[in-house]
Structure formats: structure tokens, C-alpha cells
Protein backbone atom coordinates (compact mmCIF):
# COMPACT_ATOMS: atom_id res chain seq x y z
CA UNK A 1 -20.03 -0.14 -5.62
CA UNK A 2 -19.98 -0.73 -1.87
CA UNK A 3 -16.82 0.96 -0.56
CA UNK A 4 -15.54 1.06 3.01
CA UNK A 5 -12.69 3.12 4.47
CA UNK A 6 -10.69 2.26 7.58
CA UNK A 7 -9.10 5.05 9.62
CA UNK A 8 -7.99 5.64 13.22
CA UNK A 9 -6.68 8.57 15.28
CA UNK A 10 -3.64 6.47 16.27
CA UNK A 11 -2.22 7.00 12.77
CA UNK A 12 -1.61 10.64 13.74
CA UNK A 13 0.45 9.56 16.75
CA UNK A 14 3.23 7.78 14.88
CA UNK A 15 5.70 10.66 15.22
CA UNK A 16 8.69 11.27 12.95
CA UNK A 17 11.33 14.03 13.24
CA UNK A 18 10.50 17.57 12.12
CA UNK A 19 10.88 17.87 8.35
CA UNK A 20 10.45 14.13 7.72
CA UNK A 21 8.26 13.55 4.64
CA UNK A 22 6.28 10.67 6.20
CA UNK A 23 4.31 12.73 8.72
CA UNK A 24 0.89 12.92 10.36
CA UNK A 25 -0.21 15.74 8.05
CA UNK A 26 -0.54 13.14 5.30
CA UNK A 27 -3.55 11.62 7.06
CA UNK A 28 -4.98 15.07 7.76
CA UNK A 29 -4.71 15.93 4.05
CA UNK A 30 -6.72 12.85 3.08
CA UNK A 31 -9.32 13.69 5.74
CA UNK A 32 -9.72 17.17 4.25
CA UNK A 33 -10.28 15.65 0.80
CA UNK A 34 -12.94 13.33 2.25
CA UNK A 35 -14.93 16.32 3.53
CA UNK A 36 -16.19 16.88 -0.03
CA UNK A 37 -19.87 15.99 -0.57
CA UNK A 38 -18.81 13.30 -3.05
CA UNK A 39 -17.80 11.15 -0.08
CA UNK A 40 -21.00 11.45 1.95
CA UNK A 41 -21.97 7.85 1.28
CA UNK A 42 -18.50 6.45 1.94
CA UNK A 43 -18.72 4.05 4.88
CA UNK A 44 -15.98 5.03 7.33
CA UNK A 45 -14.95 2.62 10.07
CA UNK A 46 -12.34 2.70 12.82
CA UNK A 47 -9.58 0.21 12.07
CA UNK A 48 -9.15 -2.54 14.67
CA UNK A 49 -5.72 -3.16 16.17
CA UNK A 50 -4.21 -6.50 15.18
CA UNK A 51 -2.37 -8.56 17.73
CA UNK A 52 1.38 -8.95 17.43
CA UNK A 53 1.03 -12.50 16.08
CA UNK A 54 -0.48 -11.07 12.88
CA UNK A 55 2.99 -9.79 11.97
CA UNK A 56 4.16 -13.40 11.83
CA UNK A 57 2.00 -14.07 8.79
CA UNK A 58 4.72 -12.42 6.67
CA UNK A 59 7.70 -11.89 8.99
CA UNK A 60 9.72 -14.15 11.30
CA UNK A 61 9.45 -13.59 15.05
CA UNK A 62 12.99 -12.19 15.13
CA UNK A 63 11.88 -9.26 13.02
CA UNK A 64 8.91 -8.50 15.25
CA UNK A 65 11.15 -8.60 18.33
CA UNK A 66 13.75 -6.38 16.66
CA UNK A 67 11.14 -3.72 15.85
CA UNK A 68 9.58 -3.91 19.32
CA UNK A 69 12.98 -3.27 20.87
CA UNK A 70 13.19 0.02 18.98
CA UNK A 71 9.92 1.45 20.32
CA UNK A 72 10.73 4.14 22.91
CA UNK A 73 8.87 4.08 26.22
CA UNK A 74 8.78 7.83 26.77
CA UNK A 75 6.26 10.01 24.95
CA UNK A 76 8.11 12.57 22.84
CA UNK A 77 11.13 10.32 22.34
CA UNK A 78 11.99 9.22 18.79
CA UNK A 79 14.34 6.34 17.92
CA UNK A 80 16.05 5.94 14.55
CA UNK A 81 15.62 2.34 13.39
CA UNK A 82 17.65 2.75 10.20
CA UNK A 83 18.63 5.52 7.78
CA UNK A 84 15.18 7.11 7.35
CA UNK A 85 12.86 4.98 9.51
CA UNK A 86 11.88 6.25 12.95
CA UNK A 87 9.79 5.01 15.86
CA UNK A 88 7.96 6.92 18.60
CA UNK A 89 6.08 5.62 21.64
CA UNK A 90 2.84 5.00 19.70
CA UNK A 91 4.44 3.70 16.50
CA UNK A 92 3.95 0.00 17.25
CA UNK A 93 0.29 0.60 18.09
CA UNK A 94 -0.13 2.55 14.84
CA UNK A 95 1.60 -0.17 12.81
CA UNK A 96 -0.54 -2.93 14.35
CA UNK A 97 -3.69 -0.88 13.70
CA UNK A 98 -2.67 -0.49 10.06
CA UNK A 99 -2.30 -4.26 9.89
CA UNK A 100 -5.66 -4.69 11.62
CA UNK A 101 -7.30 -2.40 9.08
CA UNK A 102 -5.76 -4.34 6.20
CA UNK A 103 -6.93 -7.67 7.62
CA UNK A 104 -10.43 -6.32 8.30
CA UNK A 105 -10.54 -5.04 4.73
CA UNK A 106 -9.76 -8.54 3.46
CA UNK A 107 -12.50 -9.96 5.67
CA UNK A 108 -14.96 -7.38 4.33
CA UNK A 109 -14.43 -8.18 0.66
CA UNK A 110 -14.57 -11.94 1.19
CA UNK A 111 -17.73 -11.84 3.32
CA UNK A 112 -19.51 -9.34 1.08
CA UNK A 113 -19.66 -6.50 3.60
CA UNK A 114 -17.95 -4.34 0.97
CA UNK A 115 -16.86 -4.68 -2.66
CA UNK A 116 -13.68 -2.75 -2.04
CA UNK A 117 -11.91 -1.07 0.86
CA UNK A 118 -9.32 1.69 1.31
CA UNK A 119 -7.14 1.71 4.43
CA UNK A 120 -5.82 5.19 5.26
CA UNK A 121 -3.01 4.08 7.57
CA UNK A 122 0.55 4.99 8.40
CA UNK A 123 3.35 3.97 8.72
CA UNK A 124 3.39 2.49 5.20
CA UNK A 125 4.60 -1.06 4.55
CA UNK A 126 5.87 -2.01 1.10
CA UNK A 127 9.59 -1.51 1.79
CA UNK A 128 9.56 -3.84 4.81
CA UNK A 129 11.34 -7.04 3.83
CA UNK A 130 11.06 -10.34 5.71
CA UNK A 131 13.79 -9.35 8.16
CA UNK A 132 14.28 -5.62 7.58
CA UNK A 133 12.44 -2.44 8.51
CA UNK A 134 13.34 0.28 6.03
CA UNK A 135 12.03 3.13 3.90
CA UNK A 136 9.61 4.44 6.58
CA UNK A 137 8.13 0.90 6.91
CA UNK A 138 8.10 -1.51 9.88
CA UNK A 139 5.91 -4.39 8.67
CA UNK A 140 4.59 -5.24 5.21
CA UNK A 141 0.85 -4.57 5.40
CA UNK A 142 0.12 -5.81 1.87
CA UNK A 143 1.98 -9.08 2.44
CA UNK A 144 0.23 -9.68 5.77
CA UNK A 145 -3.14 -8.96 4.15
CA UNK A 146 -2.37 -11.46 1.38
CA UNK A 147 -1.36 -14.18 3.85
CA UNK A 148 -4.49 -13.49 5.89
CA UNK A 149 -6.63 -13.92 2.75
CA UNK A 150 -4.96 -17.26 2.10
CA UNK A 151 -5.10 -18.53 5.68
CA UNK A 152 -8.58 -17.33 6.65
CA UNK A 153 -10.50 -17.22 3.36
CA UNK A 154 -8.75 -19.86 1.26
CA UNK A 155 -7.67 -17.45 -1.47
CA UNK A 156 -5.64 -19.36 -4.05
CA UNK A 157 -4.27 -16.53 -6.22
CA UNK A 158 -3.63 -13.02 -4.95
CA UNK A 159 -2.31 -10.12 -7.00
CA UNK A 160 -0.58 -7.12 -5.45
CA UNK A 161 -0.42 -4.04 -7.68
CA UNK A 162 2.06 -1.43 -6.44
CA UNK A 163 2.05 1.96 -8.15
CA UNK A 164 4.07 3.79 -5.50
CA UNK A 165 6.89 5.68 -7.20
CA UNK A 166 9.42 3.68 -5.17
CA UNK A 167 9.77 -0.03 -5.89
CA UNK A 168 8.13 -2.33 -3.33
CA UNK A 169 11.28 -4.25 -2.56
CA UNK A 170 9.80 -5.68 0.63
CA UNK A 171 6.80 -7.22 -1.10
CA UNK A 172 9.06 -8.60 -3.83
CA UNK A 173 11.37 -10.10 -1.19
CA UNK A 174 8.54 -11.81 0.69
CA UNK A 175 6.89 -13.33 -2.40
CA UNK A 176 9.95 -13.97 -4.58
CA UNK A 177 9.51 -17.75 -4.56
CA UNK A 178 5.73 -17.91 -4.09
CA UNK A 179 3.68 -18.97 -7.13
CA UNK A 180 0.39 -18.09 -5.40
CA UNK A 181 1.04 -14.32 -5.28
CA UNK A 182 1.59 -12.08 -8.30
CA UNK A 183 3.45 -8.85 -7.60
CA UNK A 184 3.26 -6.08 -10.22
CA UNK A 185 5.05 -2.75 -9.75
CA UNK A 186 5.37 0.50 -11.65
CA UNK A 187 8.08 2.73 -10.18
CA UNK A 188 10.79 5.22 -11.04
CA UNK A 189 14.23 3.75 -11.74
CA UNK A 190 16.88 4.65 -10.79
CA UNK A 191 15.52 5.65 -7.39
CA UNK A 192 15.41 4.32 -3.84
CA UNK A 193 15.61 1.43 -2.97
CA UNK A 194 17.46 0.45 -6.18
CA UNK A 195 15.51 -2.73 -6.94
CA UNK A 196 12.79 -3.38 -9.51
CA UNK A 197 14.53 -4.07 -12.83
CA UNK A 198 12.53 -5.82 -15.55
CA UNK A 199 14.68 -8.95 -15.25
CA UNK A 200 13.72 -9.43 -11.59
CA UNK A 201 10.97 -11.98 -12.21
CA UNK A 202 10.92 -14.24 -9.16
CA UNK A 203 11.26 -18.02 -9.01
CA UNK A 204 7.92 -18.60 -10.78
CA UNK A 205 7.78 -15.51 -13.04
CA UNK A 206 5.21 -13.97 -10.69
CA UNK A 207 7.19 -10.74 -10.23
CA UNK A 208 6.37 -8.15 -12.92
CA UNK A 209 8.36 -4.92 -12.76
CA UNK A 210 7.65 -1.97 -15.04
CA UNK A 211 10.32 0.63 -14.26
CA UNK A 212 9.85 4.21 -15.47
CA UNK A 213 12.64 6.66 -16.30
CA UNK A 214 12.76 9.98 -14.42
CA UNK A 215 10.75 12.88 -15.83
CA UNK A 216 8.22 10.83 -17.78
CA UNK A 217 4.49 11.33 -17.32
CA UNK A 218 1.05 9.93 -17.98
CA UNK A 219 1.74 8.36 -21.36
CA UNK A 220 4.67 6.25 -20.18
CA UNK A 221 2.91 5.24 -16.96
CA UNK A 222 -0.27 4.19 -18.75
CA UNK A 223 1.65 2.32 -21.44
CA UNK A 224 3.61 0.39 -18.78
CA UNK A 225 0.34 -0.42 -17.04
CA UNK A 226 -1.35 -1.55 -20.26
CA UNK A 227 1.59 -3.53 -21.65
CA UNK A 228 2.93 -5.22 -18.50
CA UNK A 229 0.65 -4.97 -15.47
CA UNK A 230 -2.82 -5.54 -16.93
CA UNK A 231 -1.89 -8.55 -19.12
CA UNK A 232 -0.16 -10.19 -16.14
CA UNK A 233 -3.26 -9.68 -14.01
CA UNK A 234 -5.51 -11.07 -16.73
CA UNK A 235 -3.35 -14.17 -17.14
CA UNK A 236 -3.09 -14.74 -13.38
CA UNK A 237 -6.85 -14.47 -12.72
CA UNK A 238 -6.55 -13.44 -9.06
CA UNK A 239 -9.16 -14.13 -6.36
CA UNK A 240 -8.22 -10.82 -4.69
CA UNK A 241 -6.35 -7.71 -5.79
CA UNK A 242 -4.43 -5.70 -3.21
CA UNK A 243 -3.21 -2.25 -4.23
CA UNK A 244 -0.13 -0.75 -2.63
CA UNK A 245 -1.49 2.73 -3.24
CA UNK A 246 1.38 5.17 -3.13
CA UNK A 247 0.67 8.58 -4.65
CA UNK A 248 4.24 9.89 -4.80
CA UNK A 249 4.39 9.57 -8.59
CA UNK A 250 2.30 12.77 -8.60
CA UNK A 251 4.07 15.64 -10.33
CA UNK A 252 4.08 17.73 -7.13
CA UNK A 253 5.85 15.10 -5.01
CA UNK A 254 9.28 16.12 -3.68
CA UNK A 255 10.83 12.62 -3.54
CA UNK A 256 10.66 11.61 -7.21
CA UNK A 257 10.42 12.84 -10.79
CA UNK A 258 7.40 11.13 -12.33
CA UNK A 259 4.79 13.59 -13.54
CA UNK A 260 1.40 12.00 -12.92
CA UNK A 261 -1.88 13.71 -12.00
CA UNK A 262 -4.91 12.62 -10.04
CA UNK A 263 -6.50 11.57 -13.33
CA UNK A 264 -3.80 8.95 -13.81
CA UNK A 265 -4.56 7.33 -10.47
CA UNK A 266 -8.27 7.48 -11.31
CA UNK A 267 -7.52 5.73 -14.62
CA UNK A 268 -5.32 3.05 -13.03
CA UNK A 269 -7.92 2.42 -10.34
CA UNK A 270 -10.57 1.94 -13.01
CA UNK A 271 -8.44 -0.60 -14.86
CA UNK A 272 -7.81 -2.59 -11.67
CA UNK A 273 -11.52 -2.56 -10.84
CA UNK A 274 -12.30 -3.95 -14.31
CA UNK A 275 -9.91 -6.84 -13.70
CA UNK A 276 -11.39 -7.42 -10.27
CA UNK A 277 -14.87 -7.56 -11.77
CA UNK A 278 -13.69 -10.07 -14.35
CA UNK A 279 -11.75 -12.39 -12.06
CA UNK A 280 -12.06 -11.53 -8.36
CA UNK A 281 -15.77 -10.88 -7.70
CA UNK A 282 -14.89 -7.16 -7.38
CA UNK A 283 -12.63 -7.82 -4.37
CA UNK A 284 -10.09 -4.98 -4.07
CA UNK A 285 -8.22 -3.89 -0.95
CA UNK A 286 -6.21 -0.67 -1.27
CA UNK A 287 -3.56 0.25 1.29
CA UNK A 288 -1.99 3.70 1.56
CA UNK A 289 1.75 3.72 0.92
CA UNK A 290 3.63 6.90 -0.12
CA UNK A 291 2.64 10.39 -1.21
CA UNK A 292 4.46 13.29 0.39
CA UNK A 293 3.11 16.47 -1.17
CA UNK A 294 -0.07 17.14 0.76
CA UNK A 295 -1.98 18.72 -2.12
CA UNK A 296 -0.94 16.00 -4.56
CA UNK A 297 -1.77 13.29 -2.02
CA UNK A 298 -5.22 14.72 -1.25
CA UNK A 299 -6.07 15.05 -4.95
CA UNK A 300 -4.81 11.60 -5.89
CA UNK A 301 -6.19 9.65 -2.93
CA UNK A 302 -9.52 11.43 -3.29
CA UNK A 303 -9.84 10.49 -6.96
CA UNK A 304 -8.71 6.94 -6.21
CA UNK A 305 -11.34 6.46 -3.48
CA UNK A 306 -14.06 8.10 -5.57
CA UNK A 307 -13.31 5.75 -8.47
CA UNK A 308 -13.58 2.80 -6.08
CA UNK A 309 -16.99 4.08 -4.98
CA UNK A 310 -18.20 4.44 -8.57
CA UNK A 311 -16.75 1.17 -9.81
């Protein structure tokens, strides 16, 4: 498989307070994993910065303005946007570069420059609702990527698969009444942000939630994937699959109690690639979301990317 990775030094410059789990070391941990010889043929590109108008693909202008107001001018200053979401002087630039990477990834898979793409960006995006920055997220990268695929490449059916351990409430909010986007999520429940019950199905039954109880492991995760996520993807027949690739369901992660290993993310990646081969001409765009234990993140992201490379 032809796999491309987008990265950028600006992702290290989105600064959060000392002790915050969403920190620059997450990107450094992935970079260490990518030093392995297995990744020698991985095509690594610098992510382009999107313009501010790209945010408007999934968010109203009021939300963009509200976030921009929170960006501090002084280097070293950190503003608290909401309970656990913070902005530093380079945070807007980092967020727009994450969006730019996601949009470039969509362009790549539709023009044939790559079969699949991983975007190693921060801040993450899947908690950002239409009008709300929350859960470490400013803008919803997956939603913007989906809208870009529709607007620029004429994609008719897009599936977003979210295996972050926290429910992607923002993505669900944005696509709740949209029949053209399928949103499938496995996540721990109860857990932040409190959404993601099985009966949350959206206006057109295109929301598929597969909540997992605390302290379960591989068997429960894989069964949820096989019984709920994969059949929904098969029925929907997407033109593009976007993965909200959070790795905080790893057993080492401090923010949740799901006991997965890197092998589980490898397995789930393989199943998504099979669906993409069947329905979407192999088009998969994977966007980094959570994952807060550095060892668990490096293991899981590394196995995820390697599986993308192997197909």
C-alpha cells in the first residue's frame, strides 16, 4: 500500500499547562516509534497550514471568532478556554496546520497520490462541536476533512470510524442530521463527555455507537467492532473512510479503563482497510486523536501506521 504521513514542527508548539495529558511529548513519542527500520519507506510530508475559512466547512463563523479571541499574543502565556482546553500563542497555527494536513490527506487519497494517510497532529478534534471547543479540541478535524471531501471531490458517502476511548461527541453533533456521513464510535461508557449511548442514532440512523463498560479488553472491543461497526460500514458503502484514531483505550492509558494492546489497533486497522478495499478504492485518512501514555501511544500508533503500509 502507498502510505503517506503528515507532520509539522508546529504541533510541538501548542503548549498546555505542566502536567496536562495532551502535551507535545505525544508527538515526540510517535516520532521515536517511526525511527524503526519498518518505517523507512513511509513517505513523510510537512502538513500545509489551512486558511481560517477551512474551519467554516464544519463550524459557524462565530465559533472561529470565539476561538481566535482566546489565543494569547504573548509567547509563554496560556489561556484556559474551558475546563480542560487551553490555548497558547501558537495554538491557532497548530490547529490550522492539523486541518491543512487532514485536507491534504483527503486530496491525496482522491487523486491517487496515496492509498491511505496518517496525520500526526495536535490539538485533537473529535470533541469540538459545531459551536463549542472542549476536551482538548478547538476544531473538528475529521468533520472538516469530510466536508472537504464532499465539496472538493464530490464524495457522496463518508464514514468516520472513531475508536478513541472517549466518545466523539463533536463529530456526532455535527453530523446528527446528515444522511451522507456515517459516524461509528467505540468508547468507554460511562466516561467523559457522557454521550454515546446505543440509542443515540441520529436523524437518519447514521450514528452507530458501541459503548464499552470499564475494565473490559480485547474480546469486548473486537466483538463491538464486528457486531456493530463493520456491518454498518458494509451497509453504508462509503467512498472514503476517516479514522478518528485515538489510542487511549490502551491498557496503559491514565484517562480510561479499557485494556487494549497495540495488536487490537492493528486488528481494527486491518478490518477498516478491508472495508475500504471493498467499497472506497482503498481511501483511508487517519487523524490522531487521544492517547496519553507515551509508551502505549508509540506502540499503538506505530502498529496502526505499519498496518496501513502493509494493507
